[in-house]
Amino acid sequence: MMIHEITALAGKNKNRKRVGRGPGSGRGKRSTRGQKGAGSRAGASTRFQFEGGQMPFFRRMPKMGFTNANFKTRFWIVNLRDIVAHDDFKKGGEVTPESLIKAGLVRDESRDVKVLGSLPEGDDKLSVKLGVTAARVTDSARKLISDAGGSVNETGSRRDRIRGVDRNSDDRAPKNQTKKSRRRSIQQAKYEAAAKGEVLKKK
């Protein structure tokens, strides 16, 4: 028969280990602390992660956590030279993500389309009239298309829509300001007021 079978209270509490009472205590002359060193002194302590000096586990394990890389805006890039060189757009026409996919210039609709303003070598202006509808159109591409009598409609990326940016307007400042951008605007206003010798009042 075992003692824990006699009563549940048996062995529930354990007497405190009394160290430092000499050789007669049953703990040895050095009271379980070994011989000399920092560990034998009062107040000695180590981090619970300490592994004797080797590379600790929390530094060996791979690090995982939040990253903004998953939220990076990626585009399918198309140059004007590739558009006008294709048979579908040699005489002009409507350039949309759907027509670019059909022409094989863009793979699919998994990303937004961005149109760049590079023309064929030796050309300095666009010779056909294009109606471009894309998430992004660079300023150089917009000027070339407009000068040729075409039209540009930028729908904007998801980030643009969240921030309230109108890509077709001359003022492309975000209308739905985040806390960070709002703080930046206030700071900029303070700098401008300080440059003029004025004091910016709180609203």
C-alpha atoms as a PDB file:
ATOM      1  CA  MET A   1       0.000   0.000   0.000  1.00  0.00           C
ATOM      2  CA  MET A   2       1.221   3.480  -0.921  1.00  0.00           C
ATOM      3  CA  ILE A   3       0.890   6.493   1.332  1.00  0.00           C
ATOM      4  CA  HIS A   4      -1.172   8.451  -1.195  1.00  0.00           C
ATOM      5  CA  GLU A   5      -3.731   5.632  -1.073  1.00  0.00           C
ATOM      6  CA  ILE A   6      -4.282   6.140   2.661  1.00  0.00           C
ATOM      7  CA  THR A   7      -5.225   9.813   2.420  1.00  0.00           C
ATOM      8  CA  ALA A   8      -5.310  12.446  -0.288  1.00  0.00           C
ATOM      9  CA  LEU A   9      -3.645  14.918   2.058  1.00  0.00           C
ATOM     10  CA  ALA A  10      -0.509  12.828   2.415  1.00  0.00           C
ATOM     11  CA  GLY A  11       2.337  14.352   0.422  1.00  0.00           C
ATOM     12  CA  LYS A  12       0.309  17.429  -0.505  1.00  0.00           C
ATOM     13  CA  ASN A  13       2.735  19.801   1.207  1.00  0.00           C
ATOM     14  CA  LYS A  14       6.499  19.502   1.241  1.00  0.00           C
ATOM     15  CA  ASN A  15       8.848  20.831   3.891  1.00  0.00           C
ATOM     16  CA  ARG A  16      11.075  23.704   2.859  1.00  0.00           C
ATOM     17  CA  LYS A  17      14.676  22.777   2.086  1.00  0.00           C
ATOM     18  CA  ARG A  18      16.823  24.300   4.832  1.00  0.00           C
ATOM     19  CA  VAL A  19      20.252  24.946   3.382  1.00  0.00           C
ATOM     20  CA  GLY A  20      23.379  26.412   4.908  1.00  0.00           C
ATOM     21  CA  ARG A  21      23.193  24.467   8.173  1.00  0.00           C
ATOM     22  CA  GLY A  22      26.517  22.671   7.888  1.00  0.00           C
ATOM     23  CA  PRO A  23      27.587  19.092   7.137  1.00  0.00           C
ATOM     24  CA  GLY A  24      25.139  17.631   9.652  1.00  0.00           C
ATOM     25  CA  SER A  25      22.118  18.918   7.713  1.00  0.00           C
ATOM     26  CA  GLY A  26      22.424  16.277   5.046  1.00  0.00           C
ATOM     27  CA  ARG A  27      22.904  18.929   2.388  1.00  0.00           C
ATOM     28  CA  GLY A  28      26.697  18.826   2.394  1.00  0.00           C
ATOM     29  CA  LYS A  29      29.297  21.271   3.523  1.00  0.00           C
ATOM     30  CA  ARG A  30      28.506  23.680   0.704  1.00  0.00           C
ATOM     31  CA  SER A  31      24.724  23.381   1.031  1.00  0.00           C
ATOM     32  CA  THR A  32      23.992  22.195  -2.556  1.00  0.00           C
ATOM     33  CA  ARG A  33      25.567  25.374  -3.991  1.00  0.00           C
ATOM     34  CA  GLY A  34      28.728  23.864  -5.384  1.00  0.00           C
ATOM     35  CA  GLN A  35      32.187  25.304  -4.869  1.00  0.00           C
ATOM     36  CA  LYS A  36      32.708  29.045  -5.147  1.00  0.00           C
ATOM     37  CA  GLY A  37      31.574  31.176  -8.078  1.00  0.00           C
ATOM     38  CA  ALA A  38      28.641  33.534  -8.516  1.00  0.00           C
ATOM     39  CA  GLY A  39      26.109  30.753  -7.991  1.00  0.00           C
ATOM     40  CA  SER A  40      27.297  30.158  -4.434  1.00  0.00           C
ATOM     41  CA  ARG A  41      26.780  33.775  -3.416  1.00  0.00           C
ATOM     42  CA  ALA A  42      23.606  35.350  -2.116  1.00  0.00           C
ATOM     43  CA  GLY A  43      21.501  37.191  -4.708  1.00  0.00           C
ATOM     44  CA  ALA A  44      22.753  35.172  -7.672  1.00  0.00           C
ATOM     45  CA  SER A  45      20.179  34.737 -10.412  1.00  0.00           C
ATOM     46  CA  THR A  46      20.032  33.958 -14.133  1.00  0.00           C
ATOM     47  CA  ARG A  47      17.409  34.525 -16.805  1.00  0.00           C
ATOM     48  CA  PHE A  48      15.103  31.589 -17.300  1.00  0.00           C
ATOM     49  CA  GLN A  49      16.178  31.569 -20.986  1.00  0.00           C
ATOM     50  CA  PHE A  50      19.851  31.192 -20.054  1.00  0.00           C
ATOM     51  CA  GLU A  51      21.333  28.017 -21.501  1.00  0.00           C
ATOM     52  CA  GLY A  52      24.864  28.183 -20.183  1.00  0.00           C
ATOM     53  CA  GLY A  53      26.138  30.566 -22.822  1.00  0.00           C
ATOM     54  CA  GLN A  54      25.069  28.691 -25.945  1.00  0.00           C
ATOM     55  CA  MET A  55      22.717  30.308 -28.451  1.00  0.00           C
ATOM     56  CA  PRO A  56      19.356  30.397 -26.617  1.00  0.00           C
ATOM     57  CA  PHE A  57      16.328  28.736 -28.085  1.00  0.00           C
ATOM     58  CA  PHE A  58      14.371  31.945 -28.661  1.00  0.00           C
ATOM     59  CA  ARG A  59      17.199  33.144 -30.924  1.00  0.00           C
ATOM     60  CA  ARG A  60      17.492  29.823 -32.734  1.00  0.00           C
ATOM     61  CA  MET A  61      13.826  29.565 -33.596  1.00  0.00           C
ATOM     62  CA  PRO A  62      12.490  31.226 -36.782  1.00  0.00           C
ATOM     63  CA  LYS A  63      10.804  34.574 -36.319  1.00  0.00           C
ATOM     64  CA  MET A  64       7.233  35.002 -37.544  1.00  0.00           C
ATOM     65  CA  GLY A  65       4.943  37.965 -37.207  1.00  0.00           C
ATOM     66  CA  PHE A  66       3.288  40.889 -38.919  1.00  0.00           C
ATOM     67  CA  THR A  67       4.702  42.343 -42.104  1.00  0.00           C
ATOM     68  CA  ASN A  68       3.379  44.886 -44.578  1.00  0.00           C
ATOM     69  CA  ALA A  69       4.850  42.926 -47.507  1.00  0.00           C
ATOM     70  CA  ASN A  70       1.511  41.170 -48.031  1.00  0.00           C
ATOM     71  CA  PHE A  71      -0.205  44.516 -48.594  1.00  0.00           C
ATOM     72  CA  LYS A  72       2.191  45.808 -51.255  1.00  0.00           C
ATOM     73  CA  THR A  73       0.377  47.059 -54.339  1.00  0.00           C
ATOM     74  CA  ARG A  74       1.530  45.139 -57.406  1.00  0.00           C
ATOM     75  CA  PHE A  75       0.756  46.116 -60.993  1.00  0.00           C
ATOM     76  CA  TRP A  76       0.891  44.578 -64.415  1.00  0.00           C
ATOM     77  CA  ILE A  77       3.172  46.973 -66.298  1.00  0.00           C
ATOM     78  CA  VAL A  78       2.395  47.825 -69.941  1.00  0.00           C
ATOM     79  CA  ASN A  79       4.327  50.322 -72.084  1.00  0.00           C
ATOM     80  CA  LEU A  80       2.716  52.453 -74.772  1.00  0.00           C
ATOM     81  CA  ARG A  81       5.217  51.066 -77.290  1.00  0.00           C
ATOM     82  CA  ASP A  82       3.900  47.535 -76.654  1.00  0.00           C
ATOM     83  CA  ILE A  83       0.303  48.710 -77.001  1.00  0.00           C
ATOM     84  CA  VAL A  84       0.732  50.545 -80.313  1.00  0.00           C
ATOM     85  CA  ALA A  85       2.868  47.703 -81.692  1.00  0.00           C
ATOM     86  CA  HIS A  86       0.064  45.188 -81.171  1.00  0.00           C
ATOM     87  CA  ASP A  87      -2.337  44.500 -84.055  1.00  0.00           C
ATOM     88  CA  ASP A  88      -5.393  45.215 -81.877  1.00  0.00           C
ATOM     89  CA  PHE A  89      -4.291  48.819 -81.207  1.00  0.00           C
ATOM     90  CA  LYS A  90      -2.342  49.835 -84.309  1.00  0.00           C
ATOM     91  CA  LYS A  91      -5.262  51.968 -85.448  1.00  0.00           C
ATOM     92  CA  GLY A  92      -6.182  53.133 -81.947  1.00  0.00           C
ATOM     93  CA  GLY A  93      -9.123  52.021 -79.863  1.00  0.00           C
ATOM     94  CA  GLU A  94     -10.108  51.428 -76.280  1.00  0.00           C
ATOM     95  CA  VAL A  95      -7.356  50.157 -73.989  1.00  0.00           C
ATOM     96  CA  THR A  96      -8.832  48.430 -70.933  1.00  0.00           C
ATOM     97  CA  PRO A  97      -7.622  45.597 -68.708  1.00  0.00           C
ATOM     98  CA  GLU A  98      -9.992  43.259 -70.551  1.00  0.00           C
ATOM     99  CA  SER A  99      -8.698  44.251 -73.994  1.00  0.00           C
ATOM    100  CA  LEU A 100      -5.090  43.956 -72.805  1.00  0.00           C
ATOM    101  CA  ILE A 101      -5.765  40.453 -71.474  1.00  0.00           C
ATOM    102  CA  LYS A 102      -7.402  39.506 -74.762  1.00  0.00           C
ATOM    103  CA  ALA A 103      -4.388  40.873 -76.656  1.00  0.00           C
ATOM    104  CA  GLY A 104      -2.005  38.904 -74.427  1.00  0.00           C
ATOM    105  CA  LEU A 105      -0.229  41.984 -73.060  1.00  0.00           C
ATOM    106  CA  VAL A 106      -1.496  41.302 -69.524  1.00  0.00           C
ATOM    107  CA  ARG A 107      -1.797  37.907 -67.914  1.00  0.00           C
ATOM    108  CA  ASP A 108      -5.000  38.172 -65.877  1.00  0.00           C
ATOM    109  CA  GLU A 109      -7.043  40.372 -63.535  1.00  0.00           C
ATOM    110  CA  SER A 110      -5.176  39.414 -60.366  1.00  0.00           C
ATOM    111  CA  ARG A 111      -3.372  42.794 -60.394  1.00  0.00           C
ATOM    112  CA  ASP A 112      -4.166  46.336 -61.445  1.00  0.00           C
ATOM    113  CA  VAL A 113      -2.758  47.643 -64.735  1.00  0.00           C
ATOM    114  CA  LYS A 114      -0.244  50.460 -64.918  1.00  0.00           C
ATOM    115  CA  VAL A 115       0.522  52.123 -68.277  1.00  0.00           C
ATOM    116  CA  LEU A 116       3.961  53.649 -68.826  1.00  0.00           C
ATOM    117  CA  GLY A 117       4.883  56.283 -71.395  1.00  0.00           C
ATOM    118  CA  SER A 118       7.743  54.606 -73.281  1.00  0.00           C
ATOM    119  CA  LEU A 119       7.370  54.938 -77.064  1.00  0.00           C
ATOM    120  CA  PRO A 120       9.152  53.036 -79.856  1.00  0.00           C
ATOM    121  CA  GLU A 121      12.710  54.191 -80.401  1.00  0.00           C
ATOM    122  CA  GLY A 122      12.834  57.318 -82.555  1.00  0.00           C
ATOM    123  CA  ASP A 123       9.238  58.383 -81.859  1.00  0.00           C
ATOM    124  CA  ASP A 124       8.521  61.415 -79.719  1.00  0.00           C
ATOM    125  CA  LYS A 125       4.730  61.440 -79.986  1.00  0.00           C
ATOM    126  CA  LEU A 126       1.823  59.043 -80.271  1.00  0.00           C
ATOM    127  CA  SER A 127       0.363  58.629 -83.749  1.00  0.00           C
ATOM    128  CA  VAL A 128      -2.908  56.871 -82.857  1.00  0.00           C
ATOM    129  CA  LYS A 129      -5.878  57.862 -80.722  1.00  0.00           C
ATOM    130  CA  LEU A 130      -6.297  55.711 -77.631  1.00  0.00           C
ATOM    131  CA  GLY A 131      -8.902  55.685 -74.910  1.00  0.00           C
ATOM    132  CA  VAL A 132      -7.057  54.292 -71.898  1.00  0.00           C
ATOM    133  CA  THR A 133      -8.810  53.034 -68.789  1.00  0.00           C
ATOM    134  CA  ALA A 134      -6.406  51.666 -66.183  1.00  0.00           C
ATOM    135  CA  ALA A 135      -5.685  51.812 -62.470  1.00  0.00           C
ATOM    136  CA  ARG A 136      -2.587  53.916 -63.021  1.00  0.00           C
ATOM    137  CA  VAL A 137      -1.262  55.926 -65.973  1.00  0.00           C
ATOM    138  CA  THR A 138       2.007  57.797 -65.607  1.00  0.00           C
ATOM    139  CA  ASP A 139       2.078  61.542 -66.274  1.00  0.00           C
ATOM    140  CA  SER A 140       4.286  61.086 -69.346  1.00  0.00           C
ATOM    141  CA  ALA A 141       1.880  58.507 -70.799  1.00  0.00           C
ATOM    142  CA  ARG A 142      -1.107  60.734 -70.009  1.00  0.00           C
ATOM    143  CA  LYS A 143       0.464  63.670 -71.861  1.00  0.00           C
ATOM    144  CA  LEU A 144       1.287  61.557 -74.928  1.00  0.00           C
ATOM    145  CA  ILE A 145      -2.232  60.116 -75.077  1.00  0.00           C
ATOM    146  CA  SER A 146      -3.899  63.502 -74.576  1.00  0.00           C
ATOM    147  CA  ASP A 147      -1.704  65.178 -77.202  1.00  0.00           C
ATOM    148  CA  ALA A 148      -2.761  62.509 -79.710  1.00  0.00           C
ATOM    149  CA  GLY A 149      -6.440  63.261 -79.039  1.00  0.00           C
ATOM    150  CA  GLY A 150      -7.058  60.297 -76.786  1.00  0.00           C
ATOM    151  CA  SER A 151      -8.532  60.099 -73.312  1.00  0.00           C
ATOM    152  CA  VAL A 152      -7.271  58.768 -69.981  1.00  0.00           C
ATOM    153  CA  ASN A 153      -9.357  57.461 -67.107  1.00  0.00           C
ATOM    154  CA  GLU A 154      -7.445  56.334 -64.024  1.00  0.00           C
ATOM    155  CA  THR A 155      -9.580  54.156 -61.771  1.00  0.00           C
ATOM    156  CA  GLY A 156      -6.944  54.069 -59.032  1.00  0.00           C
ATOM    157  CA  SER A 157      -5.715  51.177 -56.947  1.00  0.00           C
ATOM    158  CA  ARG A 158      -7.371  49.854 -53.806  1.00  0.00           C
ATOM    159  CA  ARG A 159      -5.029  52.010 -51.730  1.00  0.00           C
ATOM    160  CA  ASP A 160      -6.043  55.104 -53.702  1.00  0.00           C
ATOM    161  CA  ARG A 161      -9.730  54.420 -53.137  1.00  0.00           C
ATOM    162  CA  ILE A 162      -9.256  53.886 -49.399  1.00  0.00           C
ATOM    163  CA  ARG A 163      -7.272  57.119 -49.051  1.00  0.00           C
ATOM    164  CA  GLY A 164      -9.744  59.064 -51.187  1.00  0.00           C
ATOM    165  CA  VAL A 165      -7.279  59.925 -53.955  1.00  0.00           C
ATOM    166  CA  ASP A 166      -8.753  61.076 -57.269  1.00  0.00           C
ATOM    167  CA  ARG A 167      -6.176  60.057 -59.881  1.00  0.00           C
ATOM    168  CA  ASN A 168      -7.906  62.073 -62.626  1.00  0.00           C
ATOM    169  CA  SER A 169      -7.670  65.321 -60.678  1.00  0.00           C
ATOM    170  CA  ASP A 170      -4.760  67.723 -60.510  1.00  0.00           C
ATOM    171  CA  ASP A 171      -5.025  67.562 -56.719  1.00  0.00           C
ATOM    172  CA  ARG A 172      -4.076  63.999 -55.827  1.00  0.00           C
ATOM    173  CA  ALA A 173      -3.777  64.589 -52.111  1.00  0.00           C
ATOM    174  CA  PRO A 174      -5.631  62.002 -49.989  1.00  0.00           C
ATOM    175  CA  LYS A 175      -9.042  63.203 -48.796  1.00  0.00           C
ATOM    176  CA  ASN A 176      -9.544  60.393 -46.271  1.00  0.00           C
ATOM    177  CA  GLN A 177      -6.526  61.163 -44.164  1.00  0.00           C
ATOM    178  CA  THR A 178      -5.151  58.594 -41.804  1.00  0.00           C
ATOM    179  CA  LYS A 179      -3.972  59.601 -38.356  1.00  0.00           C
ATOM    180  CA  LYS A 180      -0.361  59.553 -39.531  1.00  0.00           C
ATOM    181  CA  SER A 181      -0.925  61.675 -42.635  1.00  0.00           C
ATOM    182  CA  ARG A 182      -3.129  64.090 -40.676  1.00  0.00           C
ATOM    183  CA  ARG A 183      -0.351  64.520 -38.126  1.00  0.00           C
ATOM    184  CA  ARG A 184       2.101  65.115 -40.978  1.00  0.00           C
ATOM    185  CA  SER A 185      -0.175  67.814 -42.427  1.00  0.00           C
ATOM    186  CA  ILE A 186      -0.424  69.574 -39.059  1.00  0.00           C
ATOM    187  CA  GLN A 187       3.347  69.434 -38.661  1.00  0.00           C
ATOM    188  CA  GLN A 188       3.825  70.857 -42.157  1.00  0.00           C
ATOM    189  CA  ALA A 189       1.406  73.685 -41.362  1.00  0.00           C
ATOM    190  CA  LYS A 190       3.401  74.461 -38.210  1.00  0.00           C
ATOM    191  CA  TYR A 191       6.632  74.670 -40.198  1.00  0.00           C
ATOM    192  CA  GLU A 192       5.050  76.989 -42.755  1.00  0.00           C
ATOM    193  CA  ALA A 193       3.596  79.197 -40.014  1.00  0.00           C
ATOM    194  CA  ALA A 194       6.958  79.324 -38.226  1.00  0.00           C
ATOM    195  CA  ALA A 195       8.677  80.332 -41.461  1.00  0.00           C
ATOM    196  CA  LYS A 196       6.282  83.267 -41.744  1.00  0.00           C
ATOM    197  CA  GLY A 197       6.739  84.208 -38.093  1.00  0.00           C
ATOM    198  CA  GLU A 198       3.194  83.230 -37.193  1.00  0.00           C
ATOM    199  CA  VAL A 199       1.808  81.004 -34.435  1.00  0.00           C
ATOM    200  CA  LEU A 200      -0.549  78.199 -35.461  1.00  0.00           C
ATOM    201  CA  LYS A 201      -3.655  78.196 -33.265  1.00  0.00           C
ATOM    202  CA  LYS A 202      -5.353  74.955 -32.247  1.00  0.00           C
ATOM    203  CA  LYS A 203      -8.743  74.350 -33.807  1.00  0.00           C
END
